PDB file of N, CA and C in Angstrom:
ATOM      1  N   MET A   1       3.997  -7.981  -2.515  1.00  0.00           N
ATOM      2  CA  MET A   1       3.709  -8.202  -1.370  1.00  0.00           C
ATOM      3  C   MET A   1       4.323  -7.444  -0.445  1.00  0.00           C
ATOM      4  N   THR A   2       3.745  -6.532   0.236  1.00  0.00           N
ATOM      5  CA  THR A   2       4.869  -5.412   0.817  1.00  0.00           C
ATOM      6  C   THR A   2       4.866  -5.910   2.244  1.00  0.00           C
ATOM      7  N   PRO A   3       6.104  -5.239   3.165  1.00  0.00           N
ATOM      8  CA  PRO A   3       6.568  -5.898   4.219  1.00  0.00           C
ATOM      9  C   PRO A   3       5.478  -5.859   5.384  1.00  0.00           C
ATOM     10  N   TYR A   4       4.466  -4.859   5.661  1.00  0.00           N
ATOM     11  CA  TYR A   4       3.437  -4.642   6.238  1.00  0.00           C
ATOM     12  C   TYR A   4       2.176  -5.248   5.912  1.00  0.00           C
ATOM     13  N   GLN A   5       2.190  -5.791   4.833  1.00  0.00           N
ATOM     14  CA  GLN A   5       1.117  -6.345   4.094  1.00  0.00           C
ATOM     15  C   GLN A   5      -0.099  -5.060   3.894  1.00  0.00           C
ATOM     16  N   TYR A   6       0.198  -3.830   3.940  1.00  0.00           N
ATOM     17  CA  TYR A   6      -0.506  -2.647   3.692  1.00  0.00           C
ATOM     18  C   TYR A   6      -0.149  -2.159   1.955  1.00  0.00           C
ATOM     19  N   PRO A   7      -1.040  -1.930   1.427  1.00  0.00           N
ATOM     20  CA  PRO A   7      -0.910  -1.442   0.003  1.00  0.00           C
ATOM     21  C   PRO A   7       0.348  -0.156   0.216  1.00  0.00           C
ATOM     22  N   LEU A   8       1.075   0.162  -0.759  1.00  0.00           N
ATOM     23  CA  LEU A   8       2.113   1.154  -1.179  1.00  0.00           C
ATOM     24  C   LEU A   8       1.058   2.207  -1.896  1.00  0.00           C
ATOM     25  N   VAL A   9       0.742   3.372  -1.791  1.00  0.00           N
ATOM     26  CA  VAL A   9      -0.038   4.587  -2.148  1.00  0.00           C
ATOM     27  C   VAL A   9       0.832   5.797  -2.067  1.00  0.00           C
ATOM     28  N   ASP A  10       1.731   5.781  -2.704  1.00  0.00           N
ATOM     29  CA  ASP A  10       2.734   7.373  -2.940  1.00  0.00           C
ATOM     30  C   ASP A  10       3.677   7.539  -4.051  1.00  0.00           C
ATOM     31  N   GLU A  11       4.065   8.925  -3.671  1.00  0.00           N
ATOM     32  CA  GLU A  11       4.952   8.914  -4.683  1.00  0.00           C
ATOM     33  C   GLU A  11       6.459   8.506  -4.112  1.00  0.00           C
ATOM     34  N   ALA A  12       7.037   8.054  -5.304  1.00  0.00           N
ATOM     35  CA  ALA A  12       8.427   7.714  -4.749  1.00  0.00           C
ATOM     36  C   ALA A  12       9.178   8.637  -4.644  1.00  0.00           C
ATOM     37  N   PRO A  13       9.986   8.543  -2.962  1.00  0.00           N
ATOM     38  CA  PRO A  13      10.851   9.437  -2.759  1.00  0.00           C
ATOM     39  C   PRO A  13      12.195   9.349  -3.898  1.00  0.00           C
ATOM     40  N   LYS A  14      12.672  10.975  -4.170  1.00  0.00           N
ATOM     41  CA  LYS A  14      13.755  11.187  -5.301  1.00  0.00           C
ATOM     42  C   LYS A  14      13.370  11.193  -6.460  1.00  0.00           C
ATOM     43  N   ASN A  15      12.145  10.760  -6.964  1.00  0.00           N
ATOM     44  CA  ASN A  15      11.458  10.544  -8.046  1.00  0.00           C
ATOM     45  C   ASN A  15      10.320  11.361  -8.606  1.00  0.00           C
ATOM     46  N   PRO A  16      10.117  12.483  -8.369  1.00  0.00           N
ATOM     47  CA  PRO A  16       8.942  13.278  -8.614  1.00  0.00           C
ATOM     48  C   PRO A  16       8.015  12.692  -9.930  1.00  0.00           C
ATOM     49  N   GLY A  17       6.934  12.837  -9.402  1.00  0.00           N
ATOM     50  CA  GLY A  17       6.225  12.111 -10.641  1.00  0.00           C
ATOM     51  C   GLY A  17       5.807  10.836 -10.809  1.00  0.00           C
ATOM     52  N   LEU A  18       6.564  10.032 -10.210  1.00  0.00           N
ATOM     53  CA  LEU A  18       6.562   8.519  -9.889  1.00  0.00           C
ATOM     54  C   LEU A  18       5.998   8.016  -8.989  1.00  0.00           C
ATOM     55  N   PHE A  19       4.493   7.552  -9.351  1.00  0.00           N
ATOM     56  CA  PHE A  19       3.995   6.938  -8.032  1.00  0.00           C
ATOM     57  C   PHE A  19       3.695   5.528  -8.041  1.00  0.00           C
ATOM     58  N   PHE A  20       3.672   4.902  -6.728  1.00  0.00           N
ATOM     59  CA  PHE A  20       3.186   3.432  -6.854  1.00  0.00           C
ATOM     60  C   PHE A  20       1.836   3.206  -6.355  1.00  0.00           C
ATOM     61  N   VAL A  21       1.132   2.587  -6.976  1.00  0.00           N
ATOM     62  CA  VAL A  21      -0.040   1.746  -6.178  1.00  0.00           C
ATOM     63  C   VAL A  21       0.105   0.536  -6.445  1.00  0.00           C
ATOM     64  N   VAL A  22       0.244  -0.388  -5.175  1.00  0.00           N
ATOM     65  CA  VAL A  22       0.905  -1.541  -5.750  1.00  0.00           C
ATOM     66  C   VAL A  22       0.721  -2.086  -4.136  1.00  0.00           C
ATOM     67  N   GLY A  23       0.866  -3.467  -4.084  1.00  0.00           N
ATOM     68  CA  GLY A  23       1.427  -4.355  -3.230  1.00  0.00           C
ATOM     69  C   GLY A  23       0.125  -4.494  -2.416  1.00  0.00           C
ATOM     70  N   GLY A  24       0.132  -4.436  -0.814  1.00  0.00           N
ATOM     71  CA  GLY A  24      -0.382  -5.360   0.206  1.00  0.00           C
ATOM     72  C   GLY A  24      -0.172  -6.866   0.352  1.00  0.00           C
ATOM     73  N   SER A  25      -1.697  -7.411  -0.040  1.00  0.00           N
ATOM     74  CA  SER A  25      -1.135  -9.081   0.703  1.00  0.00           C
ATOM     75  C   SER A  25      -1.619  -9.481  -0.822  1.00  0.00           C
ATOM     76  N   TYR A  26      -1.922 -10.740  -0.717  1.00  0.00           N
ATOM     77  CA  TYR A  26      -2.419 -11.724  -1.960  1.00  0.00           C
ATOM     78  C   TYR A  26      -3.891 -11.484  -2.085  1.00  0.00           C
ATOM     79  N   HIS A  27      -4.262 -11.231  -1.295  1.00  0.00           N
ATOM     80  CA  HIS A  27      -5.805 -10.667  -1.655  1.00  0.00           C
ATOM     81  C   HIS A  27      -6.004  -9.327  -1.426  1.00  0.00           C
ATOM     82  N   GLY A  28      -5.273  -8.689  -1.508  1.00  0.00           N
ATOM     83  CA  GLY A  28      -5.423  -6.725  -1.359  1.00  0.00           C
ATOM     84  C   GLY A  28      -6.006  -6.510  -2.571  1.00  0.00           C
ATOM     85  N   TYR A  29      -5.726  -7.113  -3.582  1.00  0.00           N
ATOM     86  CA  TYR A  29      -6.882  -6.500  -4.848  1.00  0.00           C
ATOM     87  C   TYR A  29      -8.045  -6.654  -4.885  1.00  0.00           C
ATOM     88  N   LYS A  30      -8.651  -7.142  -4.056  1.00  0.00           N
ATOM     89  CA  LYS A  30     -10.125  -7.215  -3.935  1.00  0.00           C
ATOM     90  C   LYS A  30     -10.543  -5.713  -3.344  1.00  0.00           C
ATOM     91  N   PHE A  31      -9.947  -4.989  -2.898  1.00  0.00           N
ATOM     92  CA  PHE A  31     -10.234  -3.464  -2.399  1.00  0.00           C
ATOM     93  C   PHE A  31      -9.970  -2.602  -3.405  1.00  0.00           C
ATOM     94  N   LEU A  32      -9.253  -2.721  -4.434  1.00  0.00           N
ATOM     95  CA  LEU A  32      -8.827  -1.593  -5.494  1.00  0.00           C
ATOM     96  C   LEU A  32     -10.372  -0.987  -6.207  1.00  0.00           C
ATOM     97  N   PRO A  33     -11.227  -1.436  -6.200  1.00  0.00           N
ATOM     98  CA  PRO A  33     -12.278  -0.589  -6.337  1.00  0.00           C
ATOM     99  C   PRO A  33     -12.664   0.358  -5.457  1.00  0.00           C
ATOM    100  N   ASN A  34     -12.614  -0.077  -4.294  1.00  0.00           N
ATOM    101  CA  ASN A  34     -12.953   1.016  -2.889  1.00  0.00           C
ATOM    102  C   ASN A  34     -11.579   1.952  -2.765  1.00  0.00           C
ATOM    103  N   MET A  35     -10.364   1.452  -3.389  1.00  0.00           N
ATOM    104  CA  MET A  35      -9.487   2.429  -3.267  1.00  0.00           C
ATOM    105  C   MET A  35      -9.287   3.389  -4.203  1.00  0.00           C
ATOM    106  N   GLY A  36      -9.879   3.712  -5.226  1.00  0.00           N
ATOM    107  CA  GLY A  36      -9.791   4.257  -6.092  1.00  0.00           C
ATOM    108  C   GLY A  36      -9.655   5.964  -6.127  1.00  0.00           C
ATOM    109  N   ALA A  37     -10.870   6.084  -5.332  1.00  0.00           N
ATOM    110  CA  ALA A  37     -11.042   7.531  -5.292  1.00  0.00           C
ATOM    111  C   ALA A  37      -9.916   8.326  -4.135  1.00  0.00           C
ATOM    112  N   ALA A  38      -9.602   7.439  -3.337  1.00  0.00           N
ATOM    113  CA  ALA A  38      -8.364   7.877  -2.420  1.00  0.00           C
ATOM    114  C   ALA A  38      -7.101   7.704  -3.214  1.00  0.00           C
ATOM    115  N   VAL A  39      -6.653   6.687  -3.990  1.00  0.00           N
ATOM    116  CA  VAL A  39      -5.962   7.011  -4.879  1.00  0.00           C
ATOM    117  C   VAL A  39      -5.483   8.027  -5.594  1.00  0.00           C
ATOM    118  N   VAL A  40      -6.620   8.541  -6.352  1.00  0.00           N
ATOM    119  CA  VAL A  40      -6.876   9.708  -7.323  1.00  0.00           C
ATOM    120  C   VAL A  40      -6.833  11.124  -5.976  1.00  0.00           C
ATOM    121  N   GLU A  41      -7.119  11.036  -5.147  1.00  0.00           N
ATOM    122  CA  GLU A  41      -6.520  12.508  -4.201  1.00  0.00           C
ATOM    123  C   GLU A  41      -5.234  12.371  -3.897  1.00  0.00           C
ATOM    124  N   ARG A  42      -4.673  11.337  -3.539  1.00  0.00           N
ATOM    125  CA  ARG A  42      -3.127  11.433  -3.559  1.00  0.00           C
ATOM    126  C   ARG A  42      -2.522  11.770  -4.618  1.00  0.00           C
ATOM    127  N   LEU A  43      -2.919  11.229  -5.975  1.00  0.00           N
ATOM    128  CA  LEU A  43      -2.146  11.452  -6.926  1.00  0.00           C
ATOM    129  C   LEU A  43      -2.101  13.258  -7.230  1.00  0.00           C
ATOM    130  N   ARG A  44      -3.401  13.605  -6.634  1.00  0.00           N
ATOM    131  CA  ARG A  44      -3.635  15.332  -6.896  1.00  0.00           C
ATOM    132  C   ARG A  44      -3.048  15.940  -5.734  1.00  0.00           C
ATOM    133  N   GLY A  45      -2.694  15.257  -4.904  1.00  0.00           N
ATOM    134  CA  GLY A  45      -2.053  15.939  -3.679  1.00  0.00           C
ATOM    135  C   GLY A  45      -3.220  16.452  -2.794  1.00  0.00           C
ATOM    136  N   GLN A  46      -4.370  16.026  -2.611  1.00  0.00           N
ATOM    137  CA  GLN A  46      -5.388  16.435  -1.833  1.00  0.00           C
ATOM    138  C   GLN A  46      -5.513  15.489  -0.502  1.00  0.00           C
ATOM    139  N   SER A  47      -5.966  16.230   0.547  1.00  0.00           N
ATOM    140  CA  SER A  47      -6.550  15.524   1.933  1.00  0.00           C
ATOM    141  C   SER A  47      -8.274  15.031   1.810  1.00  0.00           C
ATOM    142  N   SER A  48      -8.374  13.855   1.931  1.00  0.00           N
ATOM    143  CA  SER A  48      -9.723  13.416   1.763  1.00  0.00           C
ATOM    144  C   SER A  48     -10.390  14.394   2.898  1.00  0.00           C
ATOM    145  N   SER A  49     -11.691  14.210   2.612  1.00  0.00           N
ATOM    146  CA  SER A  49     -12.904  14.557   3.455  1.00  0.00           C
ATOM    147  C   SER A  49     -13.096  13.662   4.707  1.00  0.00           C
ATOM    148  N   LYS A  50     -13.127  12.342   4.306  1.00  0.00           N
ATOM    149  CA  LYS A  50     -13.196  11.197   5.287  1.00  0.00           C
ATOM    150  C   LYS A  50     -11.972  11.111   6.123  1.00  0.00           C
ATOM    151  N   PRO A  51     -12.261  11.608   7.637  1.00  0.00           N
ATOM    152  CA  PRO A  51     -10.906  10.966   8.327  1.00  0.00           C
ATOM    153  C   PRO A  51     -10.678   9.382   8.163  1.00  0.00           C
ATOM    154  N   VAL A  52     -11.123   8.566   7.839  1.00  0.00           N
ATOM    155  CA  VAL A  52     -10.446   7.112   8.029  1.00  0.00           C
ATOM    156  C   VAL A  52      -9.899   7.441   6.654  1.00  0.00           C
ATOM    157  N   ILE A  53     -10.243   7.908   5.725  1.00  0.00           N
ATOM    158  CA  ILE A  53      -9.225   7.698   4.271  1.00  0.00           C
ATOM    159  C   ILE A  53      -7.772   8.406   4.874  1.00  0.00           C
ATOM    160  N   ASP A  54      -7.818   9.488   5.325  1.00  0.00           N
ATOM    161  CA  ASP A  54      -6.773  10.140   5.681  1.00  0.00           C
ATOM    162  C   ASP A  54      -5.497   9.016   6.415  1.00  0.00           C
ATOM    163  N   ARG A  55      -6.330   8.471   7.326  1.00  0.00           N
ATOM    164  CA  ARG A  55      -5.584   7.500   8.193  1.00  0.00           C
ATOM    165  C   ARG A  55      -5.145   6.492   7.410  1.00  0.00           C
ATOM    166  N   LEU A  56      -5.900   6.179   6.613  1.00  0.00           N
ATOM    167  CA  LEU A  56      -5.620   4.719   5.682  1.00  0.00           C
ATOM    168  C   LEU A  56      -4.151   5.204   4.667  1.00  0.00           C
ATOM    169  N   MET A  57      -4.413   6.340   4.394  1.00  0.00           N
ATOM    170  CA  MET A  57      -3.401   6.690   3.432  1.00  0.00           C
ATOM    171  C   MET A  57      -2.210   7.144   4.455  1.00  0.00           C
ATOM    172  N   LYS A  58      -2.251   7.373   5.410  1.00  0.00           N
ATOM    173  CA  LYS A  58      -0.450   7.417   6.335  1.00  0.00           C
ATOM    174  C   LYS A  58       0.026   6.018   6.340  1.00  0.00           C
ATOM    175  N   LYS A  59      -1.041   5.066   6.541  1.00  0.00           N
ATOM    176  CA  LYS A  59      -0.480   3.759   6.606  1.00  0.00           C
ATOM    177  C   LYS A  59       0.132   3.251   5.217  1.00  0.00           C
ATOM    178  N   TRP A  60      -0.500   3.873   4.165  1.00  0.00           N
ATOM    179  CA  TRP A  60      -0.056   3.320   2.763  1.00  0.00           C
ATOM    180  C   TRP A  60       0.844   4.005   2.118  1.00  0.00           C
ATOM    181  N   SER A  61       1.307   5.248   2.922  1.00  0.00           N
ATOM    182  CA  SER A  61       2.582   6.137   2.394  1.00  0.00           C
ATOM    183  C   SER A  61       3.868   5.346   2.685  1.00  0.00           C
ATOM    184  N   TRP A  62       4.817   5.656   1.646  1.00  0.00           N
ATOM    185  CA  TRP A  62       6.141   5.291   1.555  1.00  0.00           C
ATOM    186  C   TRP A  62       6.905   5.373   3.201  1.00  0.00           C
ATOM    187  N   GLU A  63       6.852   6.312   3.701  1.00  0.00           N
ATOM    188  CA  GLU A  63       7.100   5.950   5.137  1.00  0.00           C
ATOM    189  C   GLU A  63       6.139   6.029   6.062  1.00  0.00           C
ATOM    190  N   ARG A  64       6.098   4.859   6.613  1.00  0.00           N
ATOM    191  CA  ARG A  64       5.373   4.418   7.903  1.00  0.00           C
ATOM    192  C   ARG A  64       5.323   4.584   9.153  1.00  0.00           C
ATOM    193  N   PRO A  65       5.275   5.605   9.818  1.00  0.00           N
ATOM    194  CA  PRO A  65       5.668   5.807  11.065  1.00  0.00           C
ATOM    195  C   PRO A  65       5.042   4.788  12.108  1.00  0.00           C
ATOM    196  N   GLY A  66       5.780   4.444  12.639  1.00  0.00           N
ATOM    197  CA  GLY A  66       4.911   3.441  13.427  1.00  0.00           C
ATOM    198  C   GLY A  66       4.568   2.196  13.165  1.00  0.00           C
ATOM    199  N   ALA A  67       5.043   1.666  12.433  1.00  0.00           N
ATOM    200  CA  ALA A  67       4.762   0.398  11.607  1.00  0.00           C
ATOM    201  C   ALA A  67       5.736  -0.510  11.975  1.00  0.00           C
ATOM    202  N   GLN A  68       5.210  -1.578  12.942  1.00  0.00           N
ATOM    203  CA  GLN A  68       6.182  -2.375  13.808  1.00  0.00           C
ATOM    204  C   GLN A  68       5.353  -3.916  13.416  1.00  0.00           C
ATOM    205  N   ILE A  69       4.395  -4.061  12.563  1.00  0.00           N
ATOM    206  CA  ILE A  69       3.792  -5.615  12.539  1.00  0.00           C
ATOM    207  C   ILE A  69       4.563  -5.956  11.121  1.00  0.00           C
ATOM    208  N   GLU A  70       5.329  -6.664  11.224  1.00  0.00           N
ATOM    209  CA  GLU A  70       5.748  -7.489  10.192  1.00  0.00           C
ATOM    210  C   GLU A  70       4.989  -8.593   9.775  1.00  0.00           C
ATOM    211  N   ILE A  71       5.139  -9.039   8.155  1.00  0.00           N
ATOM    212  CA  ILE A  71       4.230 -10.215   7.852  1.00  0.00           C
ATOM    213  C   ILE A  71       4.607 -11.551   8.754  1.00  0.00           C
ATOM    214  N   HIS A  72       3.801 -12.522   8.475  1.00  0.00           N
ATOM    215  CA  HIS A  72       3.553 -13.602   8.727  1.00  0.00           C
ATOM    216  C   HIS A  72       4.541 -14.482   8.056  1.00  0.00           C
ATOM    217  N   VAL A  73       5.728 -15.006   8.265  1.00  0.00           N
ATOM    218  CA  VAL A  73       6.754 -15.972   7.567  1.00  0.00           C
ATOM    219  C   VAL A  73       5.861 -17.123   6.622  1.00  0.00           C
ATOM    220  N   GLU A  74       4.937 -17.633   7.413  1.00  0.00           N
ATOM    221  CA  GLU A  74       4.218 -18.670   6.662  1.00  0.00           C
ATOM    222  C   GLU A  74       3.343 -17.963   5.721  1.00  0.00           C
ATOM    223  N   THR A  75       3.098 -16.888   5.847  1.00  0.00           N
ATOM    224  CA  THR A  75       2.223 -16.164   4.175  1.00  0.00           C
ATOM    225  C   THR A  75       3.346 -16.093   3.141  1.00  0.00           C
ATOM    226  N   VAL A  76       4.646 -16.015   3.464  1.00  0.00           N
ATOM    227  CA  VAL A  76       5.503 -15.749   2.074  1.00  0.00           C
ATOM    228  C   VAL A  76       5.636 -17.368   1.356  1.00  0.00           C
ATOM    229  N   PRO A  77       4.998 -16.722  -0.209  1.00  0.00           N
ATOM    230  CA  PRO A  77       5.274 -18.077  -1.153  1.00  0.00           C
ATOM    231  C   PRO A  77       6.567 -18.800  -0.804  1.00  0.00           C
ATOM    232  N   LYS A  78       6.225 -20.135  -0.899  1.00  0.00           N
ATOM    233  CA  LYS A  78       7.693 -21.224  -0.943  1.00  0.00           C
ATOM    234  C   LYS A  78       8.010 -21.200  -2.360  1.00  0.00           C
ATOM    235  N   GLU A  79       9.216 -21.507  -2.787  1.00  0.00           N
ATOM    236  CA  GLU A  79       9.592 -21.805  -4.051  1.00  0.00           C
ATOM    237  C   GLU A  79       9.141 -23.463  -4.576  1.00  0.00           C
ATOM    238  N   SER A  80       8.812 -23.527  -5.693  1.00  0.00           N
ATOM    239  CA  SER A  80       8.522 -24.812  -5.830  1.00  0.00           C
ATOM    240  C   SER A  80       9.282 -25.481  -6.726  1.00  0.00           C
ATOM    241  N   VAL A  81       9.815 -26.998  -6.456  1.00  0.00           N
ATOM    242  CA  VAL A  81      10.897 -27.392  -7.227  1.00  0.00           C
ATOM    243  C   VAL A  81      10.896 -28.403  -8.208  1.00  0.00           C
ATOM    244  N   ALA A  82      10.892 -28.601  -9.439  1.00  0.00           N
ATOM    245  CA  ALA A  82      10.365 -29.424 -10.073  1.00  0.00           C
ATOM    246  C   ALA A  82      10.999 -30.901  -9.836  1.00  0.00           C
ATOM    247  N   ALA A  83      10.683 -31.997 -10.003  1.00  0.00           N
ATOM    248  CA  ALA A  83      11.343 -33.335  -9.535  1.00  0.00           C
ATOM    249  C   ALA A  83      11.862 -33.740 -11.009  1.00  0.00           C
TER     250      ALA A  83
END
């Protein structure tokens, strides 16, 4: 689960060649089939021909300028304690 519930699709800072394609929120996995082409473009260092994909990739980058909406506390999993 990432702090702003967006996936992280980017190269790790200070670690060239290490890419992360993770996170989002608990239901984010359902978007993976649609994200595939965008992830491949990011790995190849290419821009998308679709403006919406470029906007999403900015939201999905390591550095997220303007990101101000944090997760809702109630969505964070609670620890279960066995009795």
